[in-house]
Amino acid sequence: HAAKGAVRTMTKSVALAWALEGVRVNSIHPGFVDTPIMDEVRGTEF
């Protein structure tokens, strides 16, 4: 949570810093996504 929260606000800070530099900076916030990481909980109550 700490890491992903920092990514969220760091994104905004750099977006402002680079707003006139020709670089856009945005964040994507996925929910629960079916990736191989899910294999260990697949079919469980979680």
All heavy atoms as atom14 arrays in JSON, in Angstrom:
{
  "sequence": "HAAKGAVRTMTKSVALAWALEGVRVNSIHPGFVDTPIMDEVRGTEF",
  "atom14_mask": [
    [1, 1, 1, 1, 1, 1, 1, 1, 1, 1, 0, 0, 0, 0],
    [1, 1, 1, 1, 1, 0, 0, 0, 0, 0, 0, 0, 0, 0],
    [1, 1, 1, 1, 1, 0, 0, 0, 0, 0, 0, 0, 0, 0],
    [1, 1, 1, 1, 1, 1, 1, 1, 1, 0, 0, 0, 0, 0],
    [1, 1, 1, 1, 0, 0, 0, 0, 0, 0, 0, 0, 0, 0],
    [1, 1, 1, 1, 1, 0, 0, 0, 0, 0, 0, 0, 0, 0],
    [1, 1, 1, 1, 1, 1, 1, 0, 0, 0, 0, 0, 0, 0],
    [1, 1, 1, 1, 1, 1, 1, 1, 1, 1, 1, 0, 0, 0],
    [1, 1, 1, 1, 1, 1, 1, 0, 0, 0, 0, 0, 0, 0],
    [1, 1, 1, 1, 1, 1, 1, 1, 0, 0, 0, 0, 0, 0],
    [1, 1, 1, 1, 1, 1, 1, 0, 0, 0, 0, 0, 0, 0],
    [1, 1, 1, 1, 1, 1, 1, 1, 1, 0, 0, 0, 0, 0],
    [1, 1, 1, 1, 1, 1, 0, 0, 0, 0, 0, 0, 0, 0],
    [1, 1, 1, 1, 1, 1, 1, 0, 0, 0, 0, 0, 0, 0],
    [1, 1, 1, 1, 1, 0, 0, 0, 0, 0, 0, 0, 0, 0],
    [1, 1, 1, 1, 1, 1, 1, 1, 0, 0, 0, 0, 0, 0],
    [1, 1, 1, 1, 1, 0, 0, 0, 0, 0, 0, 0, 0, 0],
    [1, 1, 1, 1, 1, 1, 1, 1, 1, 1, 1, 1, 1, 1],
    [1, 1, 1, 1, 1, 0, 0, 0, 0, 0, 0, 0, 0, 0],
    [1, 1, 1, 1, 1, 1, 1, 1, 0, 0, 0, 0, 0, 0],
    [1, 1, 1, 1, 1, 1, 1, 1, 1, 0, 0, 0, 0, 0],
    [1, 1, 1, 1, 0, 0, 0, 0, 0, 0, 0, 0, 0, 0],
    [1, 1, 1, 1, 1, 1, 1, 0, 0, 0, 0, 0, 0, 0],
    [1, 1, 1, 1, 1, 1, 1, 1, 1, 1, 1, 0, 0, 0],
    [1, 1, 1, 1, 1, 1, 1, 0, 0, 0, 0, 0, 0, 0],
    [1, 1, 1, 1, 1, 1, 1, 1, 0, 0, 0, 0, 0, 0],
    [1, 1, 1, 1, 1, 1, 0, 0, 0, 0, 0, 0, 0, 0],
    [1, 1, 1, 1, 1, 1, 1, 1, 0, 0, 0, 0, 0, 0],
    [1, 1, 1, 1, 1, 1, 1, 1, 1, 1, 0, 0, 0, 0],
    [1, 1, 1, 1, 1, 1, 1, 0, 0, 0, 0, 0, 0, 0],
    [1, 1, 1, 1, 0, 0, 0, 0, 0, 0, 0, 0, 0, 0],
    [1, 1, 1, 1, 1, 1, 1, 1, 1, 1, 1, 0, 0, 0],
    [1, 1, 1, 1, 1, 1, 1, 0, 0, 0, 0, 0, 0, 0],
    [1, 1, 1, 1, 1, 1, 1, 1, 0, 0, 0, 0, 0, 0],
    [1, 1, 1, 1, 1, 1, 1, 0, 0, 0, 0, 0, 0, 0],
    [1, 1, 1, 1, 1, 1, 1, 0, 0, 0, 0, 0, 0, 0],
    [1, 1, 1, 1, 1, 1, 1, 1, 0, 0, 0, 0, 0, 0],
    [1, 1, 1, 1, 1, 1, 1, 1, 0, 0, 0, 0, 0, 0],
    [1, 1, 1, 1, 1, 1, 1, 1, 0, 0, 0, 0, 0, 0],
    [1, 1, 1, 1, 1, 1, 1, 1, 1, 0, 0, 0, 0, 0],
    [1, 1, 1, 1, 1, 1, 1, 0, 0, 0, 0, 0, 0, 0],
    [1, 1, 1, 1, 1, 1, 1, 1, 1, 1, 1, 0, 0, 0],
    [1, 1, 1, 1, 0, 0, 0, 0, 0, 0, 0, 0, 0, 0],
    [1, 1, 1, 1, 1, 1, 1, 0, 0, 0, 0, 0, 0, 0],
    [1, 1, 1, 1, 1, 1, 1, 1, 1, 0, 0, 0, 0, 0],
    [1, 1, 1, 1, 1, 1, 1, 1, 1, 1, 1, 0, 0, 0]
  ],
  "atom14_positions": [
    [[0.83, -1.21, 0.0], [0.0, 0.0, 0.0], [0.87, 1.26, 0.0], [0.58, 2.22, -0.73], [-0.93, 0.0, 1.21], [-2.1, -0.91, 1.06], [-3.33, -0.47, 0.63], [-2.23, -2.24, 1.28], [-4.18, -1.49, 0.59], [-3.52, -2.57, 0.98], [0.0, 0.0, 0.0], [0.0, 0.0, 0.0], [0.0, 0.0, 0.0], [0.0, 0.0, 0.0]],
    [[1.91, 1.25, 0.81], [2.81, 2.41, 0.86], [3.46, 2.64, -0.5], [3.55, 3.78, -0.97], [3.87, 2.21, 1.94], [0.0, 0.0, 0.0], [0.0, 0.0, 0.0], [0.0, 0.0, 0.0], [0.0, 0.0, 0.0], [0.0, 0.0, 0.0], [0.0, 0.0, 0.0], [0.0, 0.0, 0.0], [0.0, 0.0, 0.0], [0.0, 0.0, 0.0]],
    [[3.92, 1.57, -1.12], [4.61, 1.69, -2.41], [3.66, 2.18, -3.49], [3.98, 3.1, -4.25], [5.22, 0.35, -2.8], [0.0, 0.0, 0.0], [0.0, 0.0, 0.0], [0.0, 0.0, 0.0], [0.0, 0.0, 0.0], [0.0, 0.0, 0.0], [0.0, 0.0, 0.0], [0.0, 0.0, 0.0], [0.0, 0.0, 0.0], [0.0, 0.0, 0.0]],
    [[2.5, 1.57, -3.6], [1.56, 1.94, -4.65], [0.97, 3.33, -4.4], [0.68, 4.07, -5.36], [0.45, 0.9, -4.77], [0.93, -0.43, -5.34], [1.5, -0.3, -6.74], [1.73, -1.64, -7.4], [2.31, -1.52, -8.77], [0.0, 0.0, 0.0], [0.0, 0.0, 0.0], [0.0, 0.0, 0.0], [0.0, 0.0, 0.0], [0.0, 0.0, 0.0]],
    [[0.79, 3.72, -3.15], [0.36, 5.08, -2.86], [1.4, 6.1, -3.26], [1.08, 7.18, -3.78], [0.0, 0.0, 0.0], [0.0, 0.0, 0.0], [0.0, 0.0, 0.0], [0.0, 0.0, 0.0], [0.0, 0.0, 0.0], [0.0, 0.0, 0.0], [0.0, 0.0, 0.0], [0.0, 0.0, 0.0], [0.0, 0.0, 0.0], [0.0, 0.0, 0.0]],
    [[2.65, 5.76, -3.04], [3.74, 6.65, -3.45], [3.81, 6.78, -4.97], [4.05, 7.87, -5.5], [5.08, 6.14, -2.91], [0.0, 0.0, 0.0], [0.0, 0.0, 0.0], [0.0, 0.0, 0.0], [0.0, 0.0, 0.0], [0.0, 0.0, 0.0], [0.0, 0.0, 0.0], [0.0, 0.0, 0.0], [0.0, 0.0, 0.0], [0.0, 0.0, 0.0]],
    [[3.6, 5.68, -5.68], [3.59, 5.74, -7.15], [2.49, 6.69, -7.62], [2.68, 7.47, -8.56], [3.39, 4.33, -7.74], [3.12, 4.4, -9.24], [4.62, 3.46, -7.48], [0.0, 0.0, 0.0], [0.0, 0.0, 0.0], [0.0, 0.0, 0.0], [0.0, 0.0, 0.0], [0.0, 0.0, 0.0], [0.0, 0.0, 0.0], [0.0, 0.0, 0.0]],
    [[1.34, 6.64, -6.98], [0.21, 7.5, -7.35], [0.58, 8.98, -7.24], [0.37, 9.76, -8.17], [-0.98, 7.18, -6.45], [-2.17, 8.12, -6.59], [-3.31, 7.64, -5.68], [-4.42, 8.56, -5.72], [-4.69, 9.47, -4.78], [-3.9, 9.59, -3.72], [-5.73, 10.26, -4.9], [0.0, 0.0, 0.0], [0.0, 0.0, 0.0], [0.0, 0.0, 0.0]],
    [[1.14, 9.38, -6.11], [1.43, 10.8, -5.92], [2.72, 11.23, -6.62], [2.84, 12.37, -7.06], [1.5, 11.15, -4.42], [2.38, 10.25, -3.75], [0.12, 11.07, -3.79], [0.0, 0.0, 0.0], [0.0, 0.0, 0.0], [0.0, 0.0, 0.0], [0.0, 0.0, 0.0], [0.0, 0.0, 0.0], [0.0, 0.0, 0.0], [0.0, 0.0, 0.0]],
    [[3.69, 10.32, -6.74], [4.89, 10.63, -7.5], [4.53, 10.92, -8.95], [5.1, 11.82, -9.58], [5.89, 9.47, -7.43], [7.25, 9.82, -8.0], [8.43, 8.41, -8.17], [7.9, 7.25, -6.95], [0.0, 0.0, 0.0], [0.0, 0.0, 0.0], [0.0, 0.0, 0.0], [0.0, 0.0, 0.0], [0.0, 0.0, 0.0], [0.0, 0.0, 0.0]],
    [[3.6, 10.17, -9.48], [3.13, 10.38, -10.85], [2.62, 11.8, -11.03], [2.96, 12.48, -12.02], [2.02, 9.38, -11.19], [2.55, 8.05, -11.16], [1.42, 9.65, -12.55], [0.0, 0.0, 0.0], [0.0, 0.0, 0.0], [0.0, 0.0, 0.0], [0.0, 0.0, 0.0], [0.0, 0.0, 0.0], [0.0, 0.0, 0.0], [0.0, 0.0, 0.0]],
    [[1.83, 12.28, -10.11], [1.27, 13.63, -10.2], [2.38, 14.68, -10.12], [2.36, 15.69, -10.85], [0.24, 13.85, -9.11], [-0.99, 12.96, -9.24], [-1.97, 13.23, -8.12], [-3.15, 12.28, -8.22], [-3.89, 12.41, -9.5], [0.0, 0.0, 0.0], [0.0, 0.0, 0.0], [0.0, 0.0, 0.0], [0.0, 0.0, 0.0], [0.0, 0.0, 0.0]],
    [[3.33, 14.47, -9.22], [4.43, 15.42, -9.07], [5.24, 15.56, -10.35], [5.54, 16.67, -10.8], [5.34, 14.98, -7.91], [6.44, 15.83, -7.79], [0.0, 0.0, 0.0], [0.0, 0.0, 0.0], [0.0, 0.0, 0.0], [0.0, 0.0, 0.0], [0.0, 0.0, 0.0], [0.0, 0.0, 0.0], [0.0, 0.0, 0.0], [0.0, 0.0, 0.0]],
    [[5.59, 14.42, -10.95], [6.4, 14.47, -12.18], [5.56, 14.99, -13.35], [6.08, 15.67, -14.23], [7.01, 13.09, -12.47], [7.86, 13.13, -13.74], [7.86, 12.62, -11.29], [0.0, 0.0, 0.0], [0.0, 0.0, 0.0], [0.0, 0.0, 0.0], [0.0, 0.0, 0.0], [0.0, 0.0, 0.0], [0.0, 0.0, 0.0], [0.0, 0.0, 0.0]],
    [[4.27, 14.7, -13.36], [3.4, 15.24, -14.41], [3.43, 16.76, -14.4], [3.49, 17.41, -15.46], [1.97, 14.74, -14.21], [0.0, 0.0, 0.0], [0.0, 0.0, 0.0], [0.0, 0.0, 0.0], [0.0, 0.0, 0.0], [0.0, 0.0, 0.0], [0.0, 0.0, 0.0], [0.0, 0.0, 0.0], [0.0, 0.0, 0.0], [0.0, 0.0, 0.0]],
    [[3.41, 17.35, -13.22], [3.48, 18.81, -13.12], [4.86, 19.32, -13.53], [4.99, 20.33, -14.23], [3.17, 19.24, -11.69], [1.74, 18.97, -11.2], [1.6, 19.35, -9.73], [0.73, 19.74, -12.05], [0.0, 0.0, 0.0], [0.0, 0.0, 0.0], [0.0, 0.0, 0.0], [0.0, 0.0, 0.0], [0.0, 0.0, 0.0], [0.0, 0.0, 0.0]],
    [[5.9, 18.6, -13.12], [7.26, 19.02, -13.46], [7.5, 19.0, -14.96], [8.23, 19.85, -15.49], [8.26, 18.12, -12.74], [0.0, 0.0, 0.0], [0.0, 0.0, 0.0], [0.0, 0.0, 0.0], [0.0, 0.0, 0.0], [0.0, 0.0, 0.0], [0.0, 0.0, 0.0], [0.0, 0.0, 0.0], [0.0, 0.0, 0.0], [0.0, 0.0, 0.0]],
    [[6.87, 18.04, -15.66], [7.13, 17.86, -17.08], [5.99, 18.35, -17.97], [5.98, 18.1, -19.17], [7.38, 16.38, -17.36], [8.71, 15.88, -16.84], [9.71, 16.63, -16.29], [9.17, 14.53, -16.82], [10.77, 15.83, -15.93], [10.46, 14.54, -16.24], [8.62, 13.32, -17.23], [11.21, 13.36, -16.08], [9.36, 12.15, -17.07], [10.64, 12.18, -16.5]],
    [[5.05, 19.09, -17.4], [3.86, 19.5, -18.17], [4.22, 20.33, -19.39], [3.51, 20.29, -20.41], [2.91, 20.28, -17.27], [0.0, 0.0, 0.0], [0.0, 0.0, 0.0], [0.0, 0.0, 0.0], [0.0, 0.0, 0.0], [0.0, 0.0, 0.0], [0.0, 0.0, 0.0], [0.0, 0.0, 0.0], [0.0, 0.0, 0.0], [0.0, 0.0, 0.0]],
    [[5.32, 21.09, -19.32], [5.76, 21.91, -20.45], [6.97, 21.33, -21.15], [7.61, 22.0, -21.97], [6.06, 23.34, -19.98], [4.87, 24.1, -19.38], [5.31, 25.49, -18.91], [3.72, 24.21, -20.38], [0.0, 0.0, 0.0], [0.0, 0.0, 0.0], [0.0, 0.0, 0.0], [0.0, 0.0, 0.0], [0.0, 0.0, 0.0], [0.0, 0.0, 0.0]],
    [[7.29, 20.08, -20.82], [8.49, 19.44, -21.39], [8.14, 18.42, -22.47], [9.01, 17.69, -22.95], [9.27, 18.73, -20.27], [9.75, 19.65, -19.16], [11.03, 20.37, -19.52], [11.57, 20.11, -20.6], [11.49, 21.21, -18.71], [0.0, 0.0, 0.0], [0.0, 0.0, 0.0], [0.0, 0.0, 0.0], [0.0, 0.0, 0.0], [0.0, 0.0, 0.0]],
    [[6.87, 18.32, -22.82], [6.47, 17.38, -23.86], [6.34, 15.95, -23.39], [6.34, 15.01, -24.21], [0.0, 0.0, 0.0], [0.0, 0.0, 0.0], [0.0, 0.0, 0.0], [0.0, 0.0, 0.0], [0.0, 0.0, 0.0], [0.0, 0.0, 0.0], [0.0, 0.0, 0.0], [0.0, 0.0, 0.0], [0.0, 0.0, 0.0], [0.0, 0.0, 0.0]],
    [[6.21, 15.76, -22.07], [6.07, 14.4, -21.52], [4.85, 14.36, -20.61], [4.76, 15.12, -19.65], [7.31, 13.97, -20.72], [7.15, 12.52, -20.24], [8.58, 14.12, -21.56], [0.0, 0.0, 0.0], [0.0, 0.0, 0.0], [0.0, 0.0, 0.0], [0.0, 0.0, 0.0], [0.0, 0.0, 0.0], [0.0, 0.0, 0.0], [0.0, 0.0, 0.0]],
    [[3.91, 13.47, -20.92], [2.74, 13.26, -20.07], [3.02, 12.09, -19.12], [3.65, 11.1, -19.51], [1.5, 12.96, -20.91], [1.1, 14.12, -21.82], [-0.1, 13.79, -22.69], [0.19, 12.72, -23.64], [-0.21, 11.47, -23.51], [-0.93, 11.09, -22.44], [0.1, 10.55, -24.41], [0.0, 0.0, 0.0], [0.0, 0.0, 0.0], [0.0, 0.0, 0.0]],
    [[2.52, 12.19, -17.89], [2.78, 11.17, -16.88], [1.46, 10.83, -16.19], [0.83, 11.71, -15.59], [3.81, 11.64, -15.84], [4.22, 10.48, -14.93], [5.04, 12.24, -16.52], [0.0, 0.0, 0.0], [0.0, 0.0, 0.0], [0.0, 0.0, 0.0], [0.0, 0.0, 0.0], [0.0, 0.0, 0.0], [0.0, 0.0, 0.0], [0.0, 0.0, 0.0]],
    [[1.03, 9.59, -16.29], [-0.24, 9.15, -15.72], [-0.08, 7.83, -14.99], [0.89, 7.1, -15.21], [-1.29, 8.99, -16.83], [-1.64, 10.31, -17.48], [-2.34, 11.14, -16.91], [-1.14, 10.52, -18.7], [0.0, 0.0, 0.0], [0.0, 0.0, 0.0], [0.0, 0.0, 0.0], [0.0, 0.0, 0.0], [0.0, 0.0, 0.0], [0.0, 0.0, 0.0]],
    [[-1.03, 7.52, -14.14], [-1.0, 6.24, -13.43], [-2.25, 5.42, -13.76], [-3.33, 5.97, -13.99], [-0.9, 6.43, -11.91], [-1.98, 7.2, -11.4], [0.0, 0.0, 0.0], [0.0, 0.0, 0.0], [0.0, 0.0, 0.0], [0.0, 0.0, 0.0], [0.0, 0.0, 0.0], [0.0, 0.0, 0.0], [0.0, 0.0, 0.0], [0.0, 0.0, 0.0]],
    [[-2.08, 4.12, -13.8], [-3.19, 3.18, -13.96], [-3.31, 2.39, -12.68], [-2.32, 1.96, -12.08], [-2.96, 2.26, -15.17], [-3.19, 3.04, -16.46], [-3.89, 1.05, -15.11], [-3.06, 2.22, -17.72], [0.0, 0.0, 0.0], [0.0, 0.0, 0.0], [0.0, 0.0, 0.0], [0.0, 0.0, 0.0], [0.0, 0.0, 0.0], [0.0, 0.0, 0.0]],
    [[-4.56, 2.19, -12.26], [-4.84, 1.52, -11.0], [-5.71, 0.29, -11.26], [-6.94, 0.36, -11.22], [-5.55, 2.49, -10.05], [-4.73, 3.69, -9.71], [-4.17, 3.89, -8.47], [-4.33, 4.74, -10.47], [-3.48, 5.03, -8.48], [-3.56, 5.55, -9.69], [0.0, 0.0, 0.0], [0.0, 0.0, 0.0], [0.0, 0.0, 0.0], [0.0, 0.0, 0.0]],
    [[-5.06, -0.85, -11.52], [-5.84, -2.07, -11.75], [-6.51, -2.56, -10.47], [-6.0, -2.35, -9.36], [-4.8, -3.08, -12.23], [-3.6, -2.26, -12.62], [-3.62, -1.08, -11.71], [0.0, 0.0, 0.0], [0.0, 0.0, 0.0], [0.0, 0.0, 0.0], [0.0, 0.0, 0.0], [0.0, 0.0, 0.0], [0.0, 0.0, 0.0], [0.0, 0.0, 0.0]],
    [[-7.64, -3.22, -10.66], [-8.26, -3.95, -9.56], [-7.68, -5.35, -9.5], [-6.5, -5.57, -9.76], [0.0, 0.0, 0.0], [0.0, 0.0, 0.0], [0.0, 0.0, 0.0], [0.0, 0.0, 0.0], [0.0, 0.0, 0.0], [0.0, 0.0, 0.0], [0.0, 0.0, 0.0], [0.0, 0.0, 0.0], [0.0, 0.0, 0.0], [0.0, 0.0, 0.0]],
    [[-8.52, -6.31, -9.2], [-8.09, -7.71, -9.12], [-8.04, -8.29, -10.52], [-9.07, -8.44, -11.19], [-9.04, -8.5, -8.22], [-9.18, -7.91, -6.85], [-10.42, -7.44, -6.41], [-8.1, -7.79, -6.01], [-10.56, -6.89, -5.15], [-8.22, -7.23, -4.74], [-9.46, -6.77, -4.31], [0.0, 0.0, 0.0], [0.0, 0.0, 0.0], [0.0, 0.0, 0.0]],
    [[-6.83, -8.62, -10.99], [-6.61, -9.03, -12.37], [-6.13, -10.47, -12.4], [-5.31, -10.89, -11.58], [-5.59, -8.1, -13.06], [-5.34, -8.55, -14.5], [-6.11, -6.66, -13.06], [0.0, 0.0, 0.0], [0.0, 0.0, 0.0], [0.0, 0.0, 0.0], [0.0, 0.0, 0.0], [0.0, 0.0, 0.0], [0.0, 0.0, 0.0], [0.0, 0.0, 0.0]],
    [[-6.62, -11.22, -13.36], [-6.31, -12.65, -13.48], [-4.94, -12.83, -14.14], [-4.82, -12.95, -15.36], [-7.39, -13.33, -14.32], [-7.28, -14.85, -14.26], [-6.37, -15.36, -13.57], [-8.11, -15.52, -14.89], [0.0, 0.0, 0.0], [0.0, 0.0, 0.0], [0.0, 0.0, 0.0], [0.0, 0.0, 0.0], [0.0, 0.0, 0.0], [0.0, 0.0, 0.0]],
    [[-3.91, -12.82, -13.32], [-2.53, -13.03, -13.76], [-1.98, -14.27, -13.08], [-2.62, -14.83, -12.18], [-1.65, -11.81, -13.4], [-1.53, -11.75, -11.98], [-2.25, -10.52, -13.94], [0.0, 0.0, 0.0], [0.0, 0.0, 0.0], [0.0, 0.0, 0.0], [0.0, 0.0, 0.0], [0.0, 0.0, 0.0], [0.0, 0.0, 0.0], [0.0, 0.0, 0.0]],
    [[-0.79, -14.74, -13.48], [-0.22, -15.92, -12.82], [-0.06, -15.79, -11.31], [-0.03, -16.81, -10.59], [1.14, -16.08, -13.51], [0.91, -15.53, -14.88], [-0.01, -14.35, -14.68], [0.0, 0.0, 0.0], [0.0, 0.0, 0.0], [0.0, 0.0, 0.0], [0.0, 0.0, 0.0], [0.0, 0.0, 0.0], [0.0, 0.0, 0.0], [0.0, 0.0, 0.0]],
    [[0.01, -14.56, -10.8], [0.11, -14.36, -9.35], [-1.13, -14.93, -8.65], [-1.07, -15.33, -7.49], [0.27, -12.86, -9.04], [1.6, -12.34, -9.6], [0.19, -12.58, -7.54], [1.79, -10.85, -9.46], [0.0, 0.0, 0.0], [0.0, 0.0, 0.0], [0.0, 0.0, 0.0], [0.0, 0.0, 0.0], [0.0, 0.0, 0.0], [0.0, 0.0, 0.0]],
    [[-2.23, -14.98, -9.39], [-3.48, -15.48, -8.81], [-3.5, -16.99, -8.64], [-4.39, -17.53, -7.96], [-4.65, -15.07, -9.71], [-5.03, -13.62, -9.65], [-5.78, -13.21, -8.06], [-7.2, -14.28, -8.1], [0.0, 0.0, 0.0], [0.0, 0.0, 0.0], [0.0, 0.0, 0.0], [0.0, 0.0, 0.0], [0.0, 0.0, 0.0], [0.0, 0.0, 0.0]],
    [[-2.55, -17.69, -9.23], [-2.59, -19.15, -9.23], [-2.66, -19.74, -7.83], [-3.36, -20.73, -7.6], [-1.38, -19.72, -9.98], [-1.46, -19.5, -11.47], [-2.56, -19.14, -11.95], [-0.43, -19.67, -12.17], [0.0, 0.0, 0.0], [0.0, 0.0, 0.0], [0.0, 0.0, 0.0], [0.0, 0.0, 0.0], [0.0, 0.0, 0.0], [0.0, 0.0, 0.0]],
    [[-1.97, -19.11, -6.88], [-1.92, -19.68, -5.54], [-3.22, -19.52, -4.76], [-3.42, -20.18, -3.73], [-0.76, -19.08, -4.74], [-0.77, -17.57, -4.65], [0.53, -17.03, -4.1], [1.52, -16.99, -4.85], [0.55, -16.66, -2.91], [0.0, 0.0, 0.0], [0.0, 0.0, 0.0], [0.0, 0.0, 0.0], [0.0, 0.0, 0.0], [0.0, 0.0, 0.0]],
    [[-4.12, -18.64, -5.23], [-5.4, -18.47, -4.53], [-6.58, -18.88, -5.4], [-7.73, -18.78, -4.96], [-5.59, -17.01, -4.06], [-4.49, -16.61, -3.1], [-5.65, -16.04, -5.24], [0.0, 0.0, 0.0], [0.0, 0.0, 0.0], [0.0, 0.0, 0.0], [0.0, 0.0, 0.0], [0.0, 0.0, 0.0], [0.0, 0.0, 0.0], [0.0, 0.0, 0.0]],
    [[-6.3, -19.36, -6.61], [-7.38, -19.72, -7.52], [-8.24, -20.83, -6.92], [-7.73, -21.83, -6.41], [-6.81, -20.15, -8.87], [-7.78, -19.96, -10.04], [-7.1, -20.27, -11.35], [-5.89, -19.49, -11.57], [-5.88, -18.24, -11.98], [-7.01, -17.6, -12.18], [-4.74, -17.59, -12.16], [0.0, 0.0, 0.0], [0.0, 0.0, 0.0], [0.0, 0.0, 0.0]],
    [[-9.56, -20.64, -6.98], [-10.48, -21.64, -6.45], [-10.66, -21.6, -4.95], [-11.35, -22.45, -4.38], [0.0, 0.0, 0.0], [0.0, 0.0, 0.0], [0.0, 0.0, 0.0], [0.0, 0.0, 0.0], [0.0, 0.0, 0.0], [0.0, 0.0, 0.0], [0.0, 0.0, 0.0], [0.0, 0.0, 0.0], [0.0, 0.0, 0.0], [0.0, 0.0, 0.0]],
    [[-10.06, -20.61, -4.3], [-10.17, -20.5, -2.84], [-11.19, -19.44, -2.46], [-11.71, -18.69, -3.3], [-8.82, -20.13, -2.21], [-8.48, -18.78, -2.59], [-7.72, -21.08, -2.69], [0.0, 0.0, 0.0], [0.0, 0.0, 0.0], [0.0, 0.0, 0.0], [0.0, 0.0, 0.0], [0.0, 0.0, 0.0], [0.0, 0.0, 0.0], [0.0, 0.0, 0.0]],
    [[-11.45, -19.33, -1.15], [-12.37, -18.31, -0.65], [-11.84, -16.91, -0.9], [-12.61, -15.96, -1.07], [-12.61, -18.5, 0.85], [-13.38, -19.77, 1.2], [-13.61, -19.91, 2.69], [-13.13, -19.04, 3.46], [-14.27, -20.88, 3.09], [0.0, 0.0, 0.0], [0.0, 0.0, 0.0], [0.0, 0.0, 0.0], [0.0, 0.0, 0.0], [0.0, 0.0, 0.0]],
    [[-10.51, -16.77, -0.97], [-9.92, -15.45, -1.2], [-10.24, -14.96, -2.61], [-10.54, -13.78, -2.82], [-8.4, -15.5, -0.98], [-7.75, -14.15, -0.94], [-8.02, -13.25, 0.07], [-6.87, -13.76, -1.95], [-7.43, -12.0, 0.11], [-6.27, -12.51, -1.93], [-6.55, -11.63, -0.9], [0.0, 0.0, 0.0], [0.0, 0.0, 0.0], [0.0, 0.0, 0.0]]
  ]
}
